[in-house]
C-alpha atoms as a PDB file:
ATOM      1  CA  MET A   1      -0.650  -9.829 -10.734  1.00  0.00           C
ATOM      2  CA  ASP A   2       0.992  -8.197  -7.813  1.00  0.00           C
ATOM      3  CA  LYS A   3      -0.881  -5.359  -6.019  1.00  0.00           C
ATOM      4  CA  GLN A   4      -0.080  -2.799  -3.362  1.00  0.00           C
ATOM      5  CA  LEU A   5      -1.460   0.414  -1.803  1.00  0.00           C
ATOM      6  CA  HIS A   6       0.249   3.757  -1.968  1.00  0.00           C
ATOM      7  CA  ARG A   7      -0.712   6.375   0.594  1.00  0.00           C
ATOM      8  CA  LEU A   8      -1.810   9.598  -1.171  1.00  0.00           C
ATOM      9  CA  ASP A   9      -2.883  11.850   1.681  1.00  0.00           C
ATOM     10  CA  THR A  10      -3.648  12.098   5.355  1.00  0.00           C
ATOM     11  CA  LEU A  11      -6.611  14.234   6.502  1.00  0.00           C
ATOM     12  CA  GLN A  12      -8.767  14.732   9.584  1.00  0.00           C
ATOM     13  CA  ALA A  13     -12.468  14.003   9.987  1.00  0.00           C
ATOM     14  CA  ARG A  14     -14.875  14.827  12.786  1.00  0.00           C
ATOM     15  CA  ASP A  15     -17.455  12.401  14.238  1.00  0.00           C
ATOM     16  CA  PRO A  16     -20.915  13.527  15.528  1.00  0.00           C
ATOM     17  CA  GLN A  17     -19.558  13.779  19.104  1.00  0.00           C
ATOM     18  CA  GLY A  18     -16.870  16.273  17.896  1.00  0.00           C
ATOM     19  CA  ALA A  19     -13.769  14.003  18.087  1.00  0.00           C
ATOM     20  CA  LEU A  20     -11.263  14.124  15.348  1.00  0.00           C
ATOM     21  CA  HIS A  21     -10.111  10.947  13.499  1.00  0.00           C
ATOM     22  CA  THR A  22      -7.121  10.547  11.196  1.00  0.00           C
ATOM     23  CA  VAL A  23      -8.038   9.348   7.700  1.00  0.00           C
ATOM     24  CA  HIS A  24      -5.606   8.006   5.174  1.00  0.00           C
ATOM     25  CA  ALA A  25      -6.268   7.969   1.390  1.00  0.00           C
ATOM     26  CA  TYR A  26      -4.775   5.181  -0.639  1.00  0.00           C
ATOM     27  CA  GLU A  27      -4.456   4.449  -4.293  1.00  0.00           C
ATOM     28  CA  HIS A  28      -4.253   0.909  -5.580  1.00  0.00           C
ATOM     29  CA  LEU A  29      -1.157   0.044  -7.644  1.00  0.00           C
ATOM     30  CA  VAL A  30      -0.491  -2.993  -9.829  1.00  0.00           C
ATOM     31  CA  ARG A  31       2.947  -4.190 -11.016  1.00  0.00           C
ATOM     32  CA  LEU A  32       3.258  -4.514 -14.765  1.00  0.00           C
ATOM     33  CA  PRO A  33       5.934  -6.436 -16.557  1.00  0.00           C
ATOM     34  CA  VAL A  34       8.263  -4.037 -18.429  1.00  0.00           C
ATOM     35  CA  GLY A  35      10.626  -5.628 -20.948  1.00  0.00           C
ATOM     36  CA  ALA A  36      13.483  -7.507 -19.243  1.00  0.00           C
ATOM     37  CA  ASP A  37      13.044  -5.740 -15.923  1.00  0.00           C
ATOM     38  CA  PRO A  38      12.272  -8.514 -13.434  1.00  0.00           C
ATOM     39  CA  PHE A  39      10.756  -5.945 -11.000  1.00  0.00           C
ATOM     40  CA  GLY A  40       8.315  -4.473 -13.368  1.00  0.00           C
ATOM     41  CA  GLN A  41       6.752  -1.087 -13.057  1.00  0.00           C
ATOM     42  CA  TRP A  42       4.036  -0.057 -10.538  1.00  0.00           C
ATOM     43  CA  GLU A  43       1.070   1.702 -12.167  1.00  0.00           C
ATOM     44  CA  PRO A  44      -2.054   3.180 -10.464  1.00  0.00           C
ATOM     45  CA  THR A  45      -5.397   1.528 -11.197  1.00  0.00           C
ATOM     46  CA  GLY A  46      -7.582   4.594 -10.557  1.00  0.00           C
ATOM     47  CA  HIS A  47      -9.142   3.066  -7.548  1.00  0.00           C
ATOM     48  CA  ILE A  48      -8.830   5.040  -4.255  1.00  0.00           C
ATOM     49  CA  GLU A  49      -9.711   3.808  -0.784  1.00  0.00           C
ATOM     50  CA  PHE A  50     -10.008   5.406   2.603  1.00  0.00           C
ATOM     51  CA  ARG A  51      -8.981   4.026   6.068  1.00  0.00           C
ATOM     52  CA  LEU A  52      -8.905   5.135   9.546  1.00  0.00           C
ATOM     53  CA  ALA A  53      -5.538   5.250  11.168  1.00  0.00           C
ATOM     54  CA  SER A  54      -6.438   1.978  12.884  1.00  0.00           C
ATOM     55  CA  GLY A  55      -6.641   0.407   9.479  1.00  0.00           C
ATOM     56  CA  GLN A  56     -10.492   0.195   9.372  1.00  0.00           C
ATOM     57  CA  ARG A  57     -11.931   0.673   5.824  1.00  0.00           C
ATOM     58  CA  LEU A  58     -14.203   3.667   5.201  1.00  0.00           C
ATOM     59  CA  ASP A  59     -16.809   4.312   2.521  1.00  0.00           C
ATOM     60  CA  MET A  60     -17.244   7.649   1.013  1.00  0.00           C
ATOM     61  CA  PRO A  61     -20.813   8.089  -0.146  1.00  0.00           C
ATOM     62  CA  GLN A  62     -20.441  11.834  -0.901  1.00  0.00           C
ATOM     63  CA  ASP A  63     -17.685  14.523  -0.978  1.00  0.00           C
ATOM     64  CA  ASP A  64     -16.007  15.104   2.421  1.00  0.00           C
ATOM     65  CA  VAL A  65     -18.229  12.463   4.261  1.00  0.00           C
ATOM     66  CA  PHE A  66     -16.914   9.013   5.349  1.00  0.00           C
ATOM     67  CA  VAL A  67     -18.928   6.162   6.822  1.00  0.00           C
ATOM     68  CA  VAL A  68     -17.717   3.292   8.884  1.00  0.00           C
ATOM     69  CA  PRO A  69     -19.400   0.306   7.211  1.00  0.00           C
ATOM     70  CA  ASP A  70     -19.736  -1.892  10.335  1.00  0.00           C
ATOM     71  CA  SER A  71     -21.166   0.765  12.604  1.00  0.00           C
ATOM     72  CA  GLY A  72     -22.674   3.404  10.280  1.00  0.00           C
ATOM     73  CA  LEU A  73     -20.616   6.087  12.094  1.00  0.00           C
ATOM     74  CA  ARG A  74     -20.412   9.249   9.895  1.00  0.00           C
ATOM     75  CA  LEU A  75     -17.278  11.328   9.763  1.00  0.00           C
ATOM     76  CA  THR A  76     -16.978  14.751   8.133  1.00  0.00           C
ATOM     77  CA  ARG A  77     -13.692  16.051   6.755  1.00  0.00           C
ATOM     78  CA  VAL A  78     -12.500  19.110   8.466  1.00  0.00           C
ATOM     79  CA  SER A  79     -10.034  21.794   7.006  1.00  0.00           C
ATOM     80  CA  ALA A  80      -6.374  21.602   7.878  1.00  0.00           C
ATOM     81  CA  ASN A  81      -6.732  24.917   9.794  1.00  0.00           C
ATOM     82  CA  GLU A  82      -9.578  23.456  11.914  1.00  0.00           C
ATOM     83  CA  ALA A  83      -7.835  20.175  12.510  1.00  0.00           C
ATOM     84  CA  ALA A  84      -4.579  21.944  13.714  1.00  0.00           C
ATOM     85  CA  ARG A  85      -6.428  23.388  16.697  1.00  0.00           C
ATOM     86  CA  GLU A  86      -6.875  20.062  18.495  1.00  0.00           C
ATOM     87  CA  PRO A  87      -5.203  16.568  18.546  1.00  0.00           C
ATOM     88  CA  ALA A  88      -6.769  13.727  16.692  1.00  0.00           C
ATOM     89  CA  ALA A  89      -8.222  10.393  18.075  1.00  0.00           C
ATOM     90  CA  ALA A  90      -7.080   7.219  16.491  1.00  0.00           C
END
């Protein structure tokens, strides 16, 4: 079964030192065979994952809080208005 990620959203999150980080939300898709179509049809699985712009995976233990699994670094989502006031770190 073929799988791929589809980016749903891009948002900003702040670390405890105050730096902003870009976070991408992705949904998992799988390709289903549809009749005679050799390319099939991509359908969402219902699974969402979050990654930093660098590609590092994030856990989301509660709403608007992300955790980098390897380091335990906690990031808190910020509003679009707050994020627009300063540039984001990678």
